[in-house]
Amino acid sequence: MYSGLVIMAKGKTINYKFPYGPYTARPEQEVSLREAQELCDLDLSCAGITSLPDPKKNGTNRILAHSFLPIVMEETYKSPKHFTFHAGKVKDSNILEVRYGDMSVGEAKDHCHNHHDCVAFFHPVYNPTLELNYPNNITFVSSIESFEPDSQDEWRTFVANDLSRANSVNASSLSYSEIVSVEHPFKSCCKKTEIPTIEQIQAVDTLERISCDISRKDFLENYEKPRKPVMLVGCNKDWKAQELWSYEKLIPRFDNSSAWRATIGDNEKLKEDVPWSDVVSSMVRNSPFYIFDQLDHEEGKKLEEDYEWPGPIQGGDLYGSLNDFPEDYGKIKRRLMHLL
């Protein structure tokens, strides 16, 4: 099955029947076959084009642009690009491996291209570490059974434009994606997508940074009392969480039957007794999950051993003005009880 669009068409969007399955069409200015090939090579979503006689217009061909090519006919031009872009993420697949923050999108393309079993990889756009060039995680798969489109640009997938791997992809699950630029693995809030230089960032970022080793007394007198904004740096340098809070090491730490207050998947309701096995499944599938309010539970107390509250604010009651806050909320509450 082909997924694609009609480059040469006029008037309304039209759905045609294609020999290998349905595809979508949109109105576009007429272009020559050569121009269509050049446009396809520049389009990150275009795997190739096919020129076929238009049954509704004698002597005129319609040019189809495909986001995935399972086969190539005589009338088909295949773009030399190794991957095509698809807005969304793979849902059902065989996962080859997951990399965490150590690989750029360009390196991921090379890695997948050189691994013959790899048919695609996908990654979230948001990275909590704010490392612009490296996605927070990249999942490589050897098959695609279903695909979840994403119009919010939260997930991005790159599918191999390789006929020898096409049999491992359910083409009917893919659709044509259009995007201006995916040069960098992050969303842009404006038209400019270039990464700013350090000098440009420093020119507008004037927030003072201080070491987390500052004493509680000095922090209170110099920053807390005068209500002066400041960024504490290096507070987590000795945390066990630096090493232990990865999927690989979190998965075996808890019993699969243990209950967690969590949300599994986007737009799902918060549940009080989600089994750890469901959380693990989300980790493996690289699906979103959120764990809440767990530090007062027996399993969650194990996580308290992995971090320390920053020294400069130890002893402060950050929750003192909140109504109905638990009297004892694990280490956080005990460490922040006696300032006010």
Protein backbone atom coordinates (compact mmCIF):
# COMPACT_ATOMS: atom_id res chain seq x y z
CA MET A 1 0.00 0.00 0.00
CA TYR A 2 1.20 3.50 -0.84
CA SER A 3 0.79 6.54 1.31
CA GLY A 4 1.14 9.84 -0.46
CA LEU A 5 -0.34 12.94 -2.00
CA VAL A 6 -1.01 14.29 -5.45
CA ILE A 7 1.41 17.04 -6.41
CA MET A 8 -0.39 17.92 -9.64
CA ALA A 9 -4.05 18.54 -8.95
CA LYS A 10 -6.44 21.44 -8.98
CA GLY A 11 -9.60 22.32 -7.08
CA LYS A 12 -10.78 20.34 -4.07
CA THR A 13 -8.91 17.64 -2.25
CA ILE A 14 -9.68 14.40 -4.12
CA ASN A 15 -9.39 10.78 -3.01
CA TYR A 16 -8.31 8.52 -5.88
CA LYS A 17 -8.01 4.78 -6.01
CA PHE A 18 -4.39 3.73 -6.42
CA PRO A 19 -3.42 0.24 -7.63
CA TYR A 20 -1.82 -0.60 -4.28
CA GLY A 21 -4.32 0.99 -1.93
CA PRO A 22 -5.78 4.38 -0.95
CA TYR A 23 -3.77 7.54 -0.54
CA THR A 24 -4.56 11.17 0.21
CA ALA A 25 -4.50 13.98 -2.32
CA ARG A 26 -4.36 17.73 -1.91
CA PRO A 27 -4.54 20.63 -4.39
CA GLU A 28 -1.16 21.88 -5.61
CA GLN A 29 0.24 23.91 -8.46
CA GLU A 30 1.18 21.95 -11.55
CA VAL A 31 4.83 21.03 -11.85
CA SER A 32 6.90 19.08 -14.33
CA LEU A 33 8.11 15.56 -13.54
CA ARG A 34 11.65 16.83 -13.08
CA GLU A 35 10.48 19.58 -10.73
CA ALA A 36 8.44 17.06 -8.79
CA GLN A 37 11.52 14.87 -8.34
CA GLU A 38 13.54 17.83 -7.09
CA LEU A 39 10.77 18.83 -4.69
CA CYS A 40 10.57 15.27 -3.40
CA ASP A 41 14.30 15.15 -2.70
CA LEU A 42 13.99 18.34 -0.63
CA ASP A 43 10.91 17.12 1.25
CA LEU A 44 11.82 15.11 4.37
CA SER A 45 8.48 13.30 4.12
CA CYS A 46 8.81 12.20 0.48
CA ALA A 47 10.10 8.70 -0.28
CA GLY A 48 9.49 8.98 -4.02
CA ILE A 49 7.00 9.92 -6.71
CA THR A 50 4.97 8.05 -9.31
CA SER A 51 3.63 9.51 -12.56
CA LEU A 52 0.41 7.91 -13.81
CA PRO A 53 -2.12 8.89 -16.52
CA ASP A 54 -5.01 10.89 -15.10
CA PRO A 55 -8.23 9.12 -16.17
CA LYS A 56 -10.17 12.36 -15.72
CA LYS A 57 -7.87 14.45 -17.94
CA ASN A 58 -6.80 12.97 -21.27
CA GLY A 59 -3.11 13.44 -22.02
CA THR A 60 -2.35 14.55 -18.46
CA ASN A 61 -0.45 12.66 -15.81
CA ARG A 62 -1.02 12.91 -12.09
CA ILE A 63 2.08 12.85 -9.93
CA LEU A 64 1.85 11.04 -6.60
CA ALA A 65 4.28 11.81 -3.80
CA HIS A 66 4.76 8.88 -1.40
CA SER A 67 5.82 8.97 2.23
CA PHE A 68 6.56 5.24 2.09
CA LEU A 69 7.42 2.91 -0.78
CA PRO A 70 6.80 -0.83 -0.31
CA ILE A 71 7.56 -1.44 -4.00
CA VAL A 72 8.77 0.58 -6.97
CA MET A 73 6.95 0.41 -10.30
CA GLU A 74 8.41 1.36 -13.66
CA GLU A 75 6.74 4.77 -13.35
CA THR A 76 8.14 5.39 -9.87
CA TYR A 77 11.10 7.58 -8.96
CA LYS A 78 12.65 6.66 -5.60
CA SER A 79 14.35 9.44 -3.65
CA PRO A 80 17.93 8.65 -2.58
CA LYS A 81 17.26 9.75 1.01
CA HIS A 82 17.67 6.93 3.52
CA PHE A 83 14.73 7.92 5.78
CA THR A 84 11.38 9.69 5.56
CA PHE A 85 9.88 11.78 8.33
CA HIS A 86 6.53 10.90 9.96
CA ALA A 87 4.88 13.07 12.64
CA GLY A 88 3.97 10.68 15.46
CA LYS A 89 5.30 7.51 17.03
CA VAL A 90 5.33 3.76 16.43
CA LYS A 91 2.80 1.94 18.62
CA ASP A 92 3.15 -1.80 17.98
CA SER A 93 6.59 -3.02 17.00
CA ASN A 94 9.55 -5.20 17.79
CA ILE A 95 12.00 -3.03 19.72
CA LEU A 96 15.67 -3.51 18.89
CA GLU A 97 17.11 -1.12 21.47
CA VAL A 98 16.55 2.18 23.25
CA ARG A 99 19.29 4.80 23.58
CA TYR A 100 19.14 7.46 26.27
CA GLY A 101 20.54 10.91 25.55
CA ASP A 102 23.79 9.77 23.94
CA MET A 103 22.88 10.00 20.25
CA SER A 104 21.84 12.78 17.88
CA VAL A 105 19.19 12.28 15.21
CA GLY A 106 21.90 12.24 12.54
CA GLU A 107 23.82 9.56 14.42
CA ALA A 108 20.57 7.60 14.88
CA LYS A 109 20.04 7.63 11.10
CA ASP A 110 23.54 6.24 10.54
CA HIS A 111 23.04 3.64 13.28
CA CYS A 112 19.70 2.43 11.89
CA HIS A 113 20.91 2.51 8.28
CA ASN A 114 23.87 0.27 9.17
CA HIS A 115 21.69 -2.16 11.15
CA HIS A 116 19.84 -4.20 8.52
CA ASP A 117 17.08 -5.26 10.93
CA CYS A 118 16.25 -1.64 11.77
CA VAL A 119 13.26 -0.27 9.85
CA ALA A 120 12.61 2.90 11.87
CA PHE A 121 13.37 4.91 14.98
CA PHE A 122 11.33 7.45 16.93
CA HIS A 123 11.92 9.95 19.71
CA PRO A 124 10.05 12.52 21.83
CA VAL A 125 10.62 16.14 20.91
CA TYR A 126 10.70 17.37 24.50
CA ASN A 127 13.92 16.81 26.41
CA PRO A 128 13.83 17.66 30.14
CA THR A 129 17.63 18.10 30.15
CA LEU A 130 17.29 20.85 27.49
CA GLU A 131 20.07 19.22 25.46
CA LEU A 132 19.02 20.57 22.08
CA ASN A 133 20.96 18.25 19.77
CA TYR A 134 20.27 14.97 21.57
CA PRO A 135 16.73 13.59 22.15
CA ASN A 136 16.01 12.32 25.63
CA ASN A 137 15.62 8.80 24.21
CA ILE A 138 15.56 7.13 20.80
CA THR A 139 13.80 3.81 20.18
CA PHE A 140 14.92 1.61 17.27
CA VAL A 141 12.44 -0.97 15.91
CA SER A 142 12.59 -3.88 13.48
CA SER A 143 8.90 -3.72 12.51
CA ILE A 144 5.92 -1.37 12.43
CA GLU A 145 2.45 -2.81 12.99
CA SER A 146 0.63 0.41 13.87
CA PHE A 147 1.44 4.09 14.02
CA GLU A 148 -0.03 6.95 16.07
CA PRO A 149 -0.03 10.26 14.15
CA ASP A 150 0.82 13.39 16.15
CA SER A 151 -0.33 16.84 15.07
CA GLN A 152 1.23 18.52 18.14
CA ASP A 153 4.84 17.74 17.15
CA GLU A 154 5.50 15.82 20.35
CA TRP A 155 6.88 12.68 18.67
CA ARG A 156 8.92 12.20 15.51
CA THR A 157 9.55 9.00 13.57
CA PHE A 158 11.98 8.27 10.76
CA VAL A 159 11.20 5.25 8.57
CA ALA A 160 13.85 3.60 6.40
CA ASN A 161 13.39 4.32 2.69
CA ASP A 162 14.74 0.89 1.85
CA LEU A 163 12.77 -1.62 -0.24
CA SER A 164 14.59 -4.57 1.35
CA ARG A 165 13.10 -3.62 4.74
CA ALA A 166 9.63 -2.61 3.53
CA ASN A 167 8.01 -5.98 4.27
CA SER A 168 8.39 -5.28 7.99
CA VAL A 169 6.21 -2.17 7.80
CA ASN A 170 2.41 -2.06 7.78
CA ALA A 171 2.17 0.76 5.21
CA SER A 172 -1.56 1.24 5.77
CA SER A 173 -0.78 2.69 9.22
CA LEU A 174 1.32 5.52 7.77
CA SER A 175 0.15 8.82 6.31
CA TYR A 176 1.90 11.70 4.59
CA SER A 177 3.49 14.18 7.03
CA GLU A 178 4.47 17.70 6.17
CA ILE A 179 6.80 19.81 8.30
CA VAL A 180 8.97 22.80 7.52
CA SER A 181 12.11 21.68 9.29
CA VAL A 182 13.26 18.87 11.58
CA GLU A 183 16.91 19.85 11.53
CA HIS A 184 16.98 19.80 15.32
CA PRO A 185 15.07 17.47 17.67
CA PHE A 186 13.13 20.21 19.43
CA LYS A 187 10.01 22.28 18.80
CA SER A 188 10.42 25.83 17.63
CA CYS A 189 8.38 28.67 19.10
CA CYS A 190 9.18 30.99 16.22
CA LYS A 191 10.27 30.93 12.58
CA LYS A 192 13.96 30.84 13.44
CA THR A 193 15.22 27.32 14.19
CA GLU A 194 18.99 27.86 14.47
CA ILE A 195 20.57 27.00 17.81
CA PRO A 196 21.72 30.24 19.48
CA THR A 197 25.38 30.63 20.35
CA ILE A 198 26.61 30.61 23.95
CA GLU A 199 27.31 34.32 23.61
CA GLN A 200 23.73 35.00 22.50
CA ILE A 201 22.33 33.01 25.41
CA GLN A 202 24.61 34.73 27.92
CA ALA A 203 23.52 38.13 26.61
CA VAL A 204 19.91 37.54 27.71
CA ASP A 205 20.39 35.08 30.59
CA THR A 206 21.54 37.21 33.52
CA LEU A 207 20.26 35.02 36.36
CA GLU A 208 22.96 34.59 39.00
CA ARG A 209 24.34 31.07 39.58
CA ILE A 210 25.81 29.99 42.91
CA SER A 211 27.17 26.72 44.23
CA CYS A 212 24.81 24.46 46.11
CA ASP A 213 27.54 24.24 48.76
CA ILE A 214 26.53 27.68 50.11
CA SER A 215 25.62 27.49 53.78
CA ARG A 216 22.03 27.64 54.95
CA LYS A 217 22.79 30.86 56.87
CA ASP A 218 24.38 32.64 53.90
CA PHE A 219 21.57 31.59 51.59
CA LEU A 220 18.94 32.80 54.04
CA GLU A 221 20.58 36.21 54.55
CA ASN A 222 21.70 36.91 50.98
CA TYR A 223 18.90 35.42 48.89
CA GLU A 224 15.89 34.16 50.83
CA LYS A 225 15.21 37.18 53.04
CA PRO A 226 15.73 39.79 50.27
CA ARG A 227 13.75 37.49 47.90
CA LYS A 228 16.53 37.59 45.33
CA PRO A 229 16.21 35.03 42.47
CA VAL A 230 19.19 32.72 42.06
CA MET A 231 20.00 29.34 40.53
CA LEU A 232 21.61 26.68 42.71
CA VAL A 233 24.15 24.66 40.74
CA GLY A 234 25.49 21.18 41.48
CA CYS A 235 22.89 20.13 44.06
CA ASN A 236 22.57 16.64 42.57
CA LYS A 237 26.25 15.89 41.96
CA ASP A 238 26.40 13.23 44.70
CA TRP A 239 22.90 11.80 44.29
CA LYS A 240 22.59 8.06 43.80
CA ALA A 241 19.73 8.91 41.42
CA GLN A 242 22.30 10.10 38.88
CA GLU A 243 23.18 6.45 38.33
CA LEU A 244 20.08 4.58 39.48
CA TRP A 245 17.23 6.49 37.84
CA SER A 246 17.30 4.97 34.40
CA TYR A 247 14.75 2.58 32.91
CA GLU A 248 17.24 -0.28 32.94
CA LYS A 249 17.90 0.07 36.67
CA LEU A 250 14.44 1.13 37.83
CA ILE A 251 12.59 -1.80 36.22
CA PRO A 252 14.00 -4.58 38.46
CA ARG A 253 13.89 -2.52 41.71
CA PHE A 254 10.19 -3.03 42.41
CA ASP A 255 7.88 -6.02 42.47
CA ASN A 256 5.59 -6.22 39.42
CA SER A 257 2.55 -6.52 41.70
CA SER A 258 3.37 -3.40 43.75
CA ALA A 259 0.73 -0.66 43.43
CA TRP A 260 1.54 2.87 42.31
CA ARG A 261 -0.51 6.06 42.06
CA ALA A 262 0.03 6.79 38.41
CA THR A 263 -1.28 7.71 35.00
CA ILE A 264 -0.44 5.46 32.06
CA GLY A 265 -0.65 7.11 28.62
CA ASP A 266 -1.70 10.59 27.55
CA ASN A 267 -5.13 11.91 28.50
CA GLU A 268 -5.74 9.04 30.91
CA LYS A 269 -7.24 9.34 34.40
CA LEU A 270 -5.11 9.09 37.52
CA LYS A 271 -5.41 5.66 39.16
CA GLU A 272 -4.54 4.72 42.72
CA ASP A 273 -3.37 1.15 42.20
CA VAL A 274 -1.47 0.82 38.93
CA PRO A 275 0.72 -2.32 39.06
CA TRP A 276 4.43 -1.77 38.51
CA SER A 277 4.23 -4.20 35.57
CA ASP A 278 2.08 -1.62 33.70
CA VAL A 279 4.68 1.07 34.38
CA VAL A 280 7.39 -1.25 33.09
CA SER A 281 5.37 -1.92 29.92
CA SER A 282 5.20 1.84 29.31
CA MET A 283 8.96 2.09 29.74
CA VAL A 284 9.57 -0.70 27.26
CA ARG A 285 7.13 0.76 24.71
CA ASN A 286 8.48 4.25 25.35
CA SER A 287 4.94 5.39 26.13
CA PRO A 288 4.20 8.27 28.53
CA PHE A 289 3.55 7.51 32.20
CA TYR A 290 3.39 9.67 35.32
CA ILE A 291 3.84 8.60 38.94
CA PHE A 292 2.40 10.82 41.71
CA ASP A 293 2.41 11.13 45.49
CA GLN A 294 4.35 7.95 46.07
CA LEU A 295 7.01 8.86 48.62
CA ASP A 296 4.76 8.08 51.60
CA HIS A 297 4.26 4.51 50.36
CA GLU A 298 6.55 1.66 51.31
CA GLU A 299 7.87 1.09 47.78
CA GLY A 300 8.38 4.79 47.19
CA LYS A 301 10.48 5.20 50.33
CA LYS A 302 13.24 3.29 48.55
CA LEU A 303 13.54 6.22 46.17
CA GLU A 304 14.22 8.59 49.09
CA GLU A 305 17.61 6.97 49.54
CA ASP A 306 18.61 8.13 46.06
CA TYR A 307 18.58 11.91 46.63
CA GLU A 308 19.25 14.61 49.21
CA TRP A 309 17.34 17.85 49.62
CA PRO A 310 19.58 20.84 48.70
CA GLY A 311 21.46 22.03 51.78
CA PRO A 312 20.68 25.76 51.40
CA ILE A 313 16.92 25.14 51.82
CA GLN A 314 17.00 22.34 54.35
CA GLY A 315 14.97 23.25 57.41
CA GLY A 316 12.45 25.38 55.51
CA ASP A 317 8.77 24.46 55.38
CA LEU A 318 7.91 24.94 51.72
CA TYR A 319 4.47 23.41 52.27
CA GLY A 320 3.54 25.21 55.50
CA SER A 321 0.82 27.33 53.92
CA LEU A 322 -0.86 24.49 52.05
CA ASN A 323 -4.18 23.17 53.35
CA ASP A 324 -4.65 19.47 54.10
CA PHE A 325 -0.98 18.60 53.50
CA PRO A 326 0.07 15.30 55.17
CA GLU A 327 1.77 15.71 58.54
CA ASP A 328 4.59 13.38 57.57
CA TYR A 329 5.38 13.21 53.89
CA GLY A 330 8.59 11.26 53.85
CA LYS A 331 11.97 12.94 53.71
CA ILE A 332 10.64 16.05 51.97
CA LYS A 333 8.28 16.96 54.82
CA ARG A 334 10.75 16.06 57.58
CA ARG A 335 13.51 18.14 56.02
CA LEU A 336 11.31 21.22 55.49
CA MET A 337 9.39 21.59 58.72
CA HIS A 338 10.85 24.27 60.98
CA LEU A 339 11.59 27.51 59.18
CA LEU A 340 8.31 29.45 59.51
